[in-house]
Amino acid sequence: MPRLSPVLLAGLLAIGAGGALGGVGAEQKAERVGDTRACIPNGAIVSRVVEDEQTLSFELLGGRRYRNRLSGPCPGLRQAGSGFGALGFEVHGSSLCRGDLLRIVDTARGETSNIRTATACPLGAFERLPDRELPRR
């Protein structure tokens, strides 16, 4: 079994403590408008909007917003976003990530029973947008 040196172990503990205490790290930098991140937490998504055949935007709890541009147009995305079809995400884990598949299901043709045969488009990176201002109480 490999052994960790005391210096390396102390460094790893310091990094872990900094993250737990909200220290400055790569994730905090990714929170600036225009920065990108690979994943967003699935359980924090409160809404999504189809912007066009290649772009979706997501709003998370607390008003944080992200835009996802697919690598190319996804046939049927605009129609599904308008209510003429359904969107499904093939997710591996508790986050929606770059490379996860967006599936467009044509509900008019009764394809809802087999989402794996629906049109599949891989997600891109998530670009941070300005927060939506929440109403003051």
C-alpha atoms as a PDB file:
ATOM      1  CA  MET A   1       0.000   0.000   0.000  1.00  0.00           C
ATOM      2  CA  PRO A   2       1.497   3.414  -0.938  1.00  0.00           C
ATOM      3  CA  ARG A   3       2.319   5.761   1.910  1.00  0.00           C
ATOM      4  CA  LEU A   4       1.723   9.513   1.916  1.00  0.00           C
ATOM      5  CA  SER A   5       4.468  11.755   3.171  1.00  0.00           C
ATOM      6  CA  PRO A   6       3.543  13.951   6.172  1.00  0.00           C
ATOM      7  CA  VAL A   7       3.982  17.105   4.024  1.00  0.00           C
ATOM      8  CA  LEU A   8       1.679  15.800   1.280  1.00  0.00           C
ATOM      9  CA  LEU A   9      -0.868  14.604   3.848  1.00  0.00           C
ATOM     10  CA  ALA A  10      -0.853  18.022   5.598  1.00  0.00           C
ATOM     11  CA  GLY A  11      -1.332  19.746   2.233  1.00  0.00           C
ATOM     12  CA  LEU A  12      -4.290  17.534   1.361  1.00  0.00           C
ATOM     13  CA  LEU A  13      -5.867  18.157   4.767  1.00  0.00           C
ATOM     14  CA  ALA A  14      -5.410  21.928   4.356  1.00  0.00           C
ATOM     15  CA  ILE A  15      -7.032  21.849   0.908  1.00  0.00           C
ATOM     16  CA  GLY A  16      -9.946  19.821   2.251  1.00  0.00           C
ATOM     17  CA  ALA A  17     -10.435  22.151   5.218  1.00  0.00           C
ATOM     18  CA  GLY A  18     -10.267  25.211   2.974  1.00  0.00           C
ATOM     19  CA  GLY A  19     -13.017  23.799   0.757  1.00  0.00           C
ATOM     20  CA  ALA A  20     -15.178  22.901   3.728  1.00  0.00           C
ATOM     21  CA  LEU A  21     -14.769  26.355   5.210  1.00  0.00           C
ATOM     22  CA  GLY A  22     -15.481  28.156   1.950  1.00  0.00           C
ATOM     23  CA  GLY A  23     -11.858  28.947   1.108  1.00  0.00           C
ATOM     24  CA  VAL A  24     -10.829  30.391  -2.250  1.00  0.00           C
ATOM     25  CA  GLY A  25     -10.606  27.661  -4.863  1.00  0.00           C
ATOM     26  CA  ALA A  26     -11.322  26.833  -8.484  1.00  0.00           C
ATOM     27  CA  GLU A  27     -15.043  26.368  -7.827  1.00  0.00           C
ATOM     28  CA  GLN A  28     -15.383  29.844  -6.328  1.00  0.00           C
ATOM     29  CA  LYS A  29     -13.615  31.357  -9.371  1.00  0.00           C
ATOM     30  CA  ALA A  30     -16.088  29.566 -11.678  1.00  0.00           C
ATOM     31  CA  GLU A  31     -18.902  31.545 -10.071  1.00  0.00           C
ATOM     32  CA  ARG A  32     -18.057  34.718 -12.020  1.00  0.00           C
ATOM     33  CA  VAL A  33     -20.318  35.660 -14.930  1.00  0.00           C
ATOM     34  CA  GLY A  34     -18.930  34.219 -18.168  1.00  0.00           C
ATOM     35  CA  ASP A  35     -16.904  31.462 -16.522  1.00  0.00           C
ATOM     36  CA  THR A  36     -17.746  27.861 -17.323  1.00  0.00           C
ATOM     37  CA  ARG A  37     -18.043  24.732 -15.265  1.00  0.00           C
ATOM     38  CA  ALA A  38     -18.445  21.081 -16.222  1.00  0.00           C
ATOM     39  CA  CYS A  39     -21.474  20.271 -14.023  1.00  0.00           C
ATOM     40  CA  ILE A  40     -24.413  21.755 -12.156  1.00  0.00           C
ATOM     41  CA  PRO A  41     -26.187  19.983  -9.264  1.00  0.00           C
ATOM     42  CA  ASN A  42     -29.271  18.186 -10.523  1.00  0.00           C
ATOM     43  CA  GLY A  43     -31.262  18.708  -7.315  1.00  0.00           C
ATOM     44  CA  ALA A  44     -30.759  22.491  -7.465  1.00  0.00           C
ATOM     45  CA  ILE A  45     -32.355  22.992 -10.906  1.00  0.00           C
ATOM     46  CA  VAL A  46     -35.631  24.882 -10.542  1.00  0.00           C
ATOM     47  CA  SER A  47     -36.288  25.664 -14.214  1.00  0.00           C
ATOM     48  CA  ARG A  48     -34.903  25.300 -17.707  1.00  0.00           C
ATOM     49  CA  VAL A  49     -35.612  27.226 -20.892  1.00  0.00           C
ATOM     50  CA  VAL A  50     -34.905  26.186 -24.475  1.00  0.00           C
ATOM     51  CA  GLU A  51     -33.428  29.234 -26.215  1.00  0.00           C
ATOM     52  CA  ASP A  52     -32.897  27.715 -29.675  1.00  0.00           C
ATOM     53  CA  GLU A  53     -31.940  24.428 -31.393  1.00  0.00           C
ATOM     54  CA  GLN A  54     -28.544  24.455 -29.679  1.00  0.00           C
ATOM     55  CA  THR A  55     -28.970  26.330 -26.383  1.00  0.00           C
ATOM     56  CA  LEU A  56     -30.671  25.791 -23.021  1.00  0.00           C
ATOM     57  CA  SER A  57     -30.534  27.897 -19.875  1.00  0.00           C
ATOM     58  CA  PHE A  58     -30.978  26.613 -16.339  1.00  0.00           C
ATOM     59  CA  GLU A  59     -31.954  28.452 -13.165  1.00  0.00           C
ATOM     60  CA  LEU A  60     -30.824  26.995  -9.851  1.00  0.00           C
ATOM     61  CA  LEU A  61     -31.972  27.524  -6.293  1.00  0.00           C
ATOM     62  CA  GLY A  62     -30.942  30.983  -5.112  1.00  0.00           C
ATOM     63  CA  GLY A  63     -31.243  32.534  -8.590  1.00  0.00           C
ATOM     64  CA  ARG A  64     -27.950  31.288 -10.085  1.00  0.00           C
ATOM     65  CA  ARG A  65     -28.265  30.794 -13.860  1.00  0.00           C
ATOM     66  CA  TYR A  66     -26.236  28.860 -16.422  1.00  0.00           C
ATOM     67  CA  ARG A  67     -26.369  28.524 -20.202  1.00  0.00           C
ATOM     68  CA  ASN A  68     -25.493  25.298 -21.997  1.00  0.00           C
ATOM     69  CA  ARG A  69     -24.569  25.361 -25.675  1.00  0.00           C
ATOM     70  CA  LEU A  70     -24.640  21.967 -27.325  1.00  0.00           C
ATOM     71  CA  SER A  71     -21.853  21.137 -29.783  1.00  0.00           C
ATOM     72  CA  GLY A  72     -24.319  21.491 -32.647  1.00  0.00           C
ATOM     73  CA  PRO A  73     -28.016  21.853 -33.390  1.00  0.00           C
ATOM     74  CA  CYS A  74     -30.220  19.231 -31.738  1.00  0.00           C
ATOM     75  CA  PRO A  75     -33.142  18.304 -34.023  1.00  0.00           C
ATOM     76  CA  GLY A  76     -36.480  18.885 -32.304  1.00  0.00           C
ATOM     77  CA  LEU A  77     -35.095  20.840 -29.335  1.00  0.00           C
ATOM     78  CA  ARG A  78     -36.976  24.064 -30.092  1.00  0.00           C
ATOM     79  CA  GLN A  79     -40.259  22.181 -30.585  1.00  0.00           C
ATOM     80  CA  ALA A  80     -39.804  20.187 -27.382  1.00  0.00           C
ATOM     81  CA  GLY A  81     -39.108  23.421 -25.506  1.00  0.00           C
ATOM     82  CA  SER A  82     -42.385  24.808 -26.862  1.00  0.00           C
ATOM     83  CA  GLY A  83     -44.358  21.868 -25.513  1.00  0.00           C
ATOM     84  CA  PHE A  84     -44.374  19.713 -28.656  1.00  0.00           C
ATOM     85  CA  GLY A  85     -42.293  16.914 -27.220  1.00  0.00           C
ATOM     86  CA  ALA A  86     -40.379  16.201 -24.059  1.00  0.00           C
ATOM     87  CA  LEU A  87     -36.815  16.648 -22.858  1.00  0.00           C
ATOM     88  CA  GLY A  88     -35.027  13.922 -20.955  1.00  0.00           C
ATOM     89  CA  PHE A  89     -31.509  13.899 -19.576  1.00  0.00           C
ATOM     90  CA  GLU A  90     -29.337  10.807 -19.313  1.00  0.00           C
ATOM     91  CA  VAL A  91     -27.439  11.638 -16.128  1.00  0.00           C
ATOM     92  CA  HIS A  92     -24.744   9.616 -14.372  1.00  0.00           C
ATOM     93  CA  GLY A  93     -24.670  10.704 -10.732  1.00  0.00           C
ATOM     94  CA  SER A  94     -26.232  13.635  -8.893  1.00  0.00           C
ATOM     95  CA  SER A  95     -25.112  16.357 -11.319  1.00  0.00           C
ATOM     96  CA  LEU A  96     -25.933  17.309 -14.883  1.00  0.00           C
ATOM     97  CA  CYS A  97     -22.561  17.407 -16.650  1.00  0.00           C
ATOM     98  CA  ARG A  98     -20.860  18.176 -19.939  1.00  0.00           C
ATOM     99  CA  GLY A  99     -21.167  15.053 -22.085  1.00  0.00           C
ATOM    100  CA  ASP A 100     -24.423  13.860 -20.460  1.00  0.00           C
ATOM    101  CA  LEU A 101     -27.065  13.221 -23.089  1.00  0.00           C
ATOM    102  CA  LEU A 102     -30.106  15.365 -23.733  1.00  0.00           C
ATOM    103  CA  ARG A 103     -32.818  13.277 -25.353  1.00  0.00           C
ATOM    104  CA  ILE A 104     -35.675  14.721 -27.391  1.00  0.00           C
ATOM    105  CA  VAL A 105     -38.815  12.599 -27.232  1.00  0.00           C
ATOM    106  CA  ASP A 106     -41.480  13.090 -29.888  1.00  0.00           C
ATOM    107  CA  THR A 107     -44.603  12.618 -27.775  1.00  0.00           C
ATOM    108  CA  ALA A 108     -46.854  13.099 -30.828  1.00  0.00           C
ATOM    109  CA  ARG A 109     -45.477   9.847 -32.270  1.00  0.00           C
ATOM    110  CA  GLY A 110     -45.765   7.966 -28.969  1.00  0.00           C
ATOM    111  CA  GLU A 111     -42.030   7.491 -28.398  1.00  0.00           C
ATOM    112  CA  THR A 112     -42.261   8.114 -24.654  1.00  0.00           C
ATOM    113  CA  SER A 113     -41.931   4.433 -23.780  1.00  0.00           C
ATOM    114  CA  ASN A 114     -38.407   4.117 -25.169  1.00  0.00           C
ATOM    115  CA  ILE A 115     -36.358   7.227 -24.433  1.00  0.00           C
ATOM    116  CA  ARG A 116     -33.114   5.454 -25.422  1.00  0.00           C
ATOM    117  CA  THR A 117     -34.165   5.537 -29.094  1.00  0.00           C
ATOM    118  CA  ALA A 118     -34.967   9.266 -28.979  1.00  0.00           C
ATOM    119  CA  THR A 119     -32.674  11.845 -30.587  1.00  0.00           C
ATOM    120  CA  ALA A 120     -29.615  12.274 -28.326  1.00  0.00           C
ATOM    121  CA  CYS A 121     -27.417  15.372 -28.080  1.00  0.00           C
ATOM    122  CA  PRO A 122     -24.445  15.719 -25.691  1.00  0.00           C
ATOM    123  CA  LEU A 123     -24.400  18.709 -23.349  1.00  0.00           C
ATOM    124  CA  GLY A 124     -21.595  21.245 -23.461  1.00  0.00           C
ATOM    125  CA  ALA A 125     -20.050  23.236 -20.606  1.00  0.00           C
ATOM    126  CA  PHE A 126     -22.252  25.388 -18.367  1.00  0.00           C
ATOM    127  CA  GLU A 127     -21.619  29.127 -18.723  1.00  0.00           C
ATOM    128  CA  ARG A 128     -22.454  31.315 -15.735  1.00  0.00           C
ATOM    129  CA  LEU A 129     -25.039  34.021 -16.465  1.00  0.00           C
ATOM    130  CA  PRO A 130     -25.938  37.008 -14.272  1.00  0.00           C
ATOM    131  CA  ASP A 131     -28.107  35.998 -11.327  1.00  0.00           C
ATOM    132  CA  ARG A 132     -31.815  36.579 -11.570  1.00  0.00           C
ATOM    133  CA  GLU A 133     -32.720  39.190  -9.031  1.00  0.00           C
ATOM    134  CA  LEU A 134     -35.070  37.734  -6.458  1.00  0.00           C
ATOM    135  CA  PRO A 135     -37.917  39.832  -5.078  1.00  0.00           C
ATOM    136  CA  ARG A 136     -37.213  41.464  -1.725  1.00  0.00           C
ATOM    137  CA  ARG A 137     -39.410  40.550   1.202  1.00  0.00           C
END
